[in-house]
Protein backbone atom coordinates (compact mmCIF):
# COMPACT_ATOMS: atom_id res chain seq x y z
CA MET A 1 -11.30 14.53 -51.51
CA SER A 2 -12.47 12.87 -48.38
CA PRO A 3 -12.03 14.62 -45.01
CA VAL A 4 -9.37 13.49 -42.58
CA ALA A 5 -9.09 13.28 -38.79
CA GLU A 6 -6.10 15.18 -37.52
CA MET A 7 -4.70 16.33 -34.31
CA GLY A 8 -3.24 19.96 -34.86
CA ILE A 9 -0.85 21.56 -32.79
CA VAL A 10 -1.31 25.07 -31.60
CA GLU A 11 1.70 27.37 -32.51
CA GLU A 12 0.42 30.70 -31.67
CA GLN A 13 -2.68 32.28 -29.91
CA ILE A 14 -3.31 35.94 -30.31
CA GLU A 15 -6.34 38.13 -29.16
CA ILE A 16 -7.25 40.19 -32.39
CA SER A 17 -9.72 42.50 -30.32
CA GLU A 18 -11.94 42.06 -27.32
CA GLY A 19 -13.75 38.34 -27.66
CA VAL A 20 -11.95 37.62 -31.19
CA VAL A 21 -9.18 34.94 -31.05
CA GLU A 22 -6.75 33.61 -33.55
CA LEU A 23 -5.02 30.32 -33.36
CA THR A 24 -2.46 29.38 -35.65
CA VAL A 25 -2.49 25.42 -35.79
CA ARG A 26 0.03 23.11 -37.57
CA ALA A 27 -2.25 20.59 -39.22
CA PRO A 28 -0.40 19.45 -42.47
CA GLU A 29 -3.08 17.23 -44.02
CA ILE A 30 -6.09 19.50 -43.55
CA ALA A 31 -4.09 22.67 -44.27
CA GLY A 32 -3.01 21.07 -47.80
CA LEU A 33 -6.83 19.84 -48.61
CA SER A 34 -8.61 23.07 -47.77
CA ARG A 35 -10.45 25.38 -50.27
CA ALA A 36 -11.83 28.49 -49.25
CA GLY A 37 -15.20 28.31 -47.85
CA GLN A 38 -14.78 24.76 -46.38
CA PHE A 39 -14.88 24.18 -42.55
CA VAL A 40 -13.33 21.98 -39.90
CA HIS A 41 -15.10 20.34 -37.15
CA VAL A 42 -13.64 21.01 -34.01
CA ARG A 43 -13.47 19.15 -30.56
CA VAL A 44 -13.03 22.06 -28.12
CA SER A 45 -12.04 19.83 -24.88
CA THR A 46 -10.33 16.51 -24.21
CA GLY A 47 -13.58 15.22 -22.52
CA PHE A 48 -17.11 14.94 -23.55
CA ASP A 49 -18.40 18.09 -21.97
CA PRO A 50 -19.21 20.11 -24.36
CA PHE A 51 -20.03 17.04 -26.23
CA LEU A 52 -20.67 18.43 -29.88
CA ARG A 53 -17.94 19.68 -32.02
CA ARG A 54 -17.80 23.34 -33.22
CA PRO A 55 -17.89 24.15 -36.90
CA MET A 56 -14.93 26.57 -37.89
CA SER A 57 -14.29 28.11 -41.31
CA VAL A 58 -10.84 27.57 -42.34
CA GLY A 59 -8.78 30.68 -42.30
CA PRO A 60 -5.47 31.48 -44.14
CA CYS A 61 -3.56 28.26 -44.72
CA GLY A 62 0.20 27.60 -45.77
CA ASP A 63 3.41 25.67 -44.74
CA GLY A 64 1.20 22.99 -43.11
CA ARG A 65 -0.50 25.45 -40.78
CA LEU A 66 -4.10 26.94 -40.78
CA LYS A 67 -5.62 29.73 -38.92
CA LEU A 68 -8.92 29.53 -36.87
CA ILE A 69 -10.39 32.84 -36.25
CA PHE A 70 -13.53 33.17 -34.21
CA ALA A 71 -15.58 35.23 -31.67
CA ILE A 72 -16.10 33.79 -28.25
CA ARG A 73 -19.69 33.19 -28.07
CA GLY A 74 -20.18 30.56 -25.13
CA ARG A 75 -18.60 27.98 -23.49
CA GLY A 76 -17.24 25.82 -26.32
CA THR A 77 -15.60 28.85 -28.08
CA ARG A 78 -14.17 29.98 -24.76
CA LEU A 79 -12.57 26.51 -24.14
CA LEU A 80 -11.11 26.77 -27.62
CA ALA A 81 -9.75 30.29 -27.15
CA GLY A 82 -7.87 29.03 -24.05
CA LYS A 83 -5.63 26.82 -26.16
CA LEU A 84 -2.03 27.73 -25.75
CA PRO A 85 1.23 26.95 -27.90
CA GLY A 86 1.82 23.36 -27.60
CA ASN A 87 -1.89 22.43 -26.92
CA THR A 88 -3.50 19.94 -29.38
CA VAL A 89 -6.84 20.75 -31.49
CA ASP A 90 -8.79 17.76 -32.49
CA MET A 91 -10.26 18.48 -35.95
CA ILE A 92 -11.84 16.70 -38.91
CA GLY A 93 -11.84 18.29 -42.14
CA PRO A 94 -12.08 19.87 -44.59
CA LEU A 95 -15.91 19.51 -44.84
CA GLY A 96 -18.30 21.12 -47.17
CA ARG A 97 -18.50 22.91 -50.53
CA GLY A 98 -16.17 25.79 -51.00
CA PHE A 99 -16.20 28.80 -53.45
CA ASP A 100 -15.90 28.67 -57.04
CA HIS A 101 -13.31 30.94 -58.67
CA PRO A 102 -14.50 33.46 -61.23
CA GLU A 103 -14.23 33.08 -64.79
CA GLU A 104 -11.41 35.04 -66.64
CA GLY A 105 -11.99 38.72 -67.14
CA VAL A 106 -14.42 38.95 -64.12
CA ILE A 107 -13.15 40.87 -60.86
CA PRO A 108 -13.97 39.21 -57.70
CA LEU A 109 -15.51 41.49 -54.81
CA LEU A 110 -14.90 39.74 -51.44
CA VAL A 111 -17.46 41.22 -48.92
CA ALA A 112 -17.30 40.25 -45.40
CA GLY A 113 -19.14 41.12 -42.22
CA GLY A 114 -17.58 40.51 -38.78
CA ILE A 115 -16.24 37.03 -38.27
CA GLY A 116 -17.34 36.17 -41.84
CA VAL A 117 -14.15 37.68 -42.95
CA VAL A 118 -12.29 34.16 -42.21
CA PRO A 119 -13.44 31.95 -45.55
CA LEU A 120 -12.65 35.18 -47.39
CA LEU A 121 -9.07 35.44 -46.07
CA LEU A 122 -8.37 32.10 -47.54
CA LEU A 123 -10.32 32.82 -50.80
CA ASN A 124 -8.09 35.94 -51.20
CA GLU A 125 -4.99 33.76 -50.72
CA GLN A 126 -6.06 31.05 -53.36
CA LEU A 127 -7.37 33.44 -56.05
CA PRO A 128 -4.49 33.86 -58.87
CA VAL A 129 -1.62 36.07 -58.10
CA GLY A 130 -2.06 39.20 -59.76
CA LEU A 131 -5.75 38.99 -60.22
CA GLU A 132 -7.70 42.36 -59.78
CA ARG A 133 -10.11 42.08 -56.63
CA ASP A 134 -11.60 44.19 -53.98
CA PHE A 135 -11.71 43.01 -50.56
CA LEU A 136 -14.24 44.70 -48.19
CA LEU A 137 -14.91 44.25 -44.48
CA GLY A 138 -17.74 45.60 -42.16
CA VAL A 139 -17.55 45.74 -38.47
CA ARG A 140 -19.52 47.82 -35.77
CA SER A 141 -16.34 49.65 -34.57
CA ARG A 142 -12.54 49.67 -34.67
CA THR A 143 -12.69 47.91 -31.30
CA VAL A 144 -14.23 44.93 -32.59
CA LEU A 145 -12.03 44.26 -35.66
CA THR A 146 -11.85 40.70 -36.65
CA VAL A 147 -8.52 40.83 -38.56
CA THR A 148 -5.23 42.59 -37.40
CA ASP A 149 -4.22 46.15 -38.60
CA SER A 150 -1.12 44.54 -40.33
CA GLU A 151 -3.53 42.01 -42.23
CA ILE A 152 -5.68 44.91 -43.44
CA GLU A 153 -2.81 46.78 -44.87
CA ARG A 154 -1.16 43.66 -46.23
CA ARG A 155 -4.42 42.38 -47.88
CA HIS A 156 -5.42 45.99 -48.94
CA ILE A 157 -8.84 45.53 -47.13
CA SER A 158 -11.28 48.36 -47.14
CA VAL A 159 -13.09 48.74 -43.79
CA ALA A 160 -16.56 50.20 -43.03
CA THR A 161 -17.49 50.91 -39.46
CA ASP A 162 -20.84 51.49 -38.37
CA ASP A 163 -19.53 54.30 -36.16
CA GLY A 164 -17.05 55.78 -38.51
CA SER A 165 -14.14 55.01 -36.31
CA LEU A 166 -12.09 53.36 -39.13
CA GLY A 167 -12.57 53.66 -42.93
CA TYR A 168 -15.97 54.37 -44.55
CA ARG A 169 -18.68 55.33 -42.11
CA GLY A 170 -21.56 52.90 -42.76
CA ASP A 171 -22.19 49.25 -43.45
CA VAL A 172 -20.21 47.15 -45.75
CA VAL A 173 -23.15 46.60 -48.33
CA GLN A 174 -23.35 50.50 -48.68
CA LEU A 175 -19.55 50.56 -49.39
CA LEU A 176 -19.99 47.76 -51.99
CA ALA A 177 -22.70 49.81 -53.71
CA ARG A 178 -20.36 52.82 -53.83
CA ARG A 179 -17.58 50.45 -55.33
CA LEU A 180 -19.86 49.07 -58.02
CA ASP A 181 -20.66 52.44 -59.02
CA GLU A 182 -16.96 53.12 -59.57
CA LEU A 183 -16.44 49.97 -61.48
CA ASP A 184 -18.94 51.28 -64.03
CA GLY A 185 -20.57 48.17 -65.25
CA ARG A 186 -17.40 46.04 -65.31
CA LYS A 187 -18.15 42.23 -64.87
CA VAL A 188 -17.95 41.04 -61.37
CA ASN A 189 -18.62 38.28 -58.98
CA ILE A 190 -19.45 38.78 -55.51
CA TYR A 191 -18.26 36.51 -52.65
CA GLY A 192 -19.94 37.16 -49.13
CA CYS A 193 -20.02 35.86 -45.84
CA GLY A 194 -21.41 37.65 -42.66
CA PRO A 195 -24.42 37.75 -40.40
CA GLY A 196 -27.97 37.50 -41.47
CA PRO A 197 -29.05 40.95 -41.91
CA MET A 198 -25.92 41.67 -43.96
CA LEU A 199 -26.75 38.92 -46.28
CA THR A 200 -30.37 39.95 -46.80
CA PHE A 201 -29.18 43.31 -47.95
CA LEU A 202 -26.45 41.77 -50.17
CA LYS A 203 -28.97 39.59 -51.92
CA ARG A 204 -31.21 42.57 -52.59
CA LEU A 205 -28.25 44.52 -54.11
CA CYS A 206 -27.26 41.64 -56.31
CA GLN A 207 -30.65 41.09 -57.53
CA GLU A 208 -31.17 44.84 -58.25
CA ARG A 209 -27.93 45.08 -60.16
CA SER A 210 -28.13 41.29 -61.77
CA ILE A 211 -24.84 40.34 -60.23
CA PRO A 212 -23.92 36.69 -59.58
CA ALA A 213 -22.94 36.04 -56.14
CA GLN A 214 -21.86 33.00 -53.73
CA VAL A 215 -22.33 33.40 -50.10
CA SER A 216 -20.88 31.14 -47.15
CA LEU A 217 -23.53 30.51 -44.22
CA GLU A 218 -22.53 30.39 -40.76
CA VAL A 219 -25.28 28.53 -38.71
CA PRO A 220 -25.00 26.05 -35.76
CA MET A 221 -24.24 22.38 -36.64
CA GLY A 222 -24.48 19.24 -34.79
CA CYS A 223 -22.82 16.40 -36.63
CA GLY A 224 -21.20 18.32 -39.46
CA VAL A 225 -21.62 15.38 -41.94
CA GLY A 226 -25.64 15.58 -42.80
CA ALA A 227 -26.86 13.02 -40.41
CA CYS A 228 -28.57 15.12 -37.71
CA GLN A 229 -30.03 17.77 -40.16
CA SER A 230 -29.92 20.53 -37.52
CA CYS A 231 -28.44 22.89 -40.14
CA ALA A 232 -31.13 23.01 -42.71
CA VAL A 233 -32.02 26.11 -44.54
CA LEU A 234 -34.95 26.90 -46.77
CA LYS A 235 -34.57 27.00 -50.44
CA ALA A 236 -34.99 30.29 -52.26
CA ASP A 237 -38.48 28.84 -53.51
CA ARG A 238 -39.38 27.55 -50.15
CA LYS A 239 -40.20 24.22 -51.38
CA GLY A 240 -37.51 22.07 -49.51
CA TYR A 241 -34.35 22.48 -47.59
CA LEU A 242 -30.56 22.36 -47.96
CA LEU A 243 -28.23 21.26 -45.49
CA VAL A 244 -25.37 23.80 -44.98
CA CYS A 245 -22.75 21.08 -43.76
CA GLN A 246 -23.24 19.14 -46.96
CA ASP A 247 -24.64 21.35 -49.71
CA GLY A 248 -22.82 24.36 -48.49
CA PRO A 249 -21.68 26.17 -46.59
CA VAL A 250 -21.16 28.07 -49.85
CA PHE A 251 -24.42 28.55 -51.90
CA ASP A 252 -25.19 30.57 -54.98
CA ILE A 253 -27.18 33.48 -53.52
CA ASP A 254 -30.23 32.74 -55.49
CA ALA A 255 -30.43 29.09 -53.99
CA VAL A 256 -31.08 29.91 -50.61
CA ASP A 257 -33.96 32.01 -48.56
CA LEU A 258 -31.99 34.87 -46.88
CA SER A 259 -34.96 36.74 -45.67
CA PRO A 260 -34.74 37.40 -41.78
CA GLU A 261 -37.31 35.24 -40.83
CA ALA A 262 -35.84 32.24 -42.67
CA LEU A 263 -32.28 32.43 -41.22
CA PRO A 264 -31.41 30.59 -38.14
């Protein structure tokens, strides 16, 4: 389906942790069309400064509302974080390719790092009710959580923290490896989103264990529709490029080069 332009209305703004904000936005058209892994292109101010829109993964949707969850990383996201109930959010979406659901009998394993949890929250909602799954989240510390404690409990999210302040002590790929050992050869599909180093280790683990995976890439974008080509990433064979905004943001993990030197 074609994306739409919609002026959403902020209904709630909360700070999940220091520098991580969640906006609940009423936007019935975009919320009704969005698939997990897709994104919206958001205008962060009413003027032309900043000029470029910001790409935001679509978070949980329902009842005509969607959630935007993001880390404040610069002036644009700081302006967006300042939106209060009743303010408007100018959005275009949904854009890009989303996640494919697993075949029958395959267990989905959702693996997120930091703010990469956002598209996986929507995937978790859109998977069939009653389907066995695991949802793993890695963050540096409890103080920089990207979901609320109530969401962790409600969605049965297993958390890994680098400092051991919550859940498993270590990174989320190590937690995934332990969970795969527990599943003892059962068929699984992995769905991942997170920072570059996490994706590098995730790809290595998937190749070692011959596990299919899809990953959502988070990279800076200009236009969001393929015209500026600022979001190009190397193909896995390094013979050409793919555009995250059009060919992704979700890719089969073997389609793109996820080595540290290749990622934006």
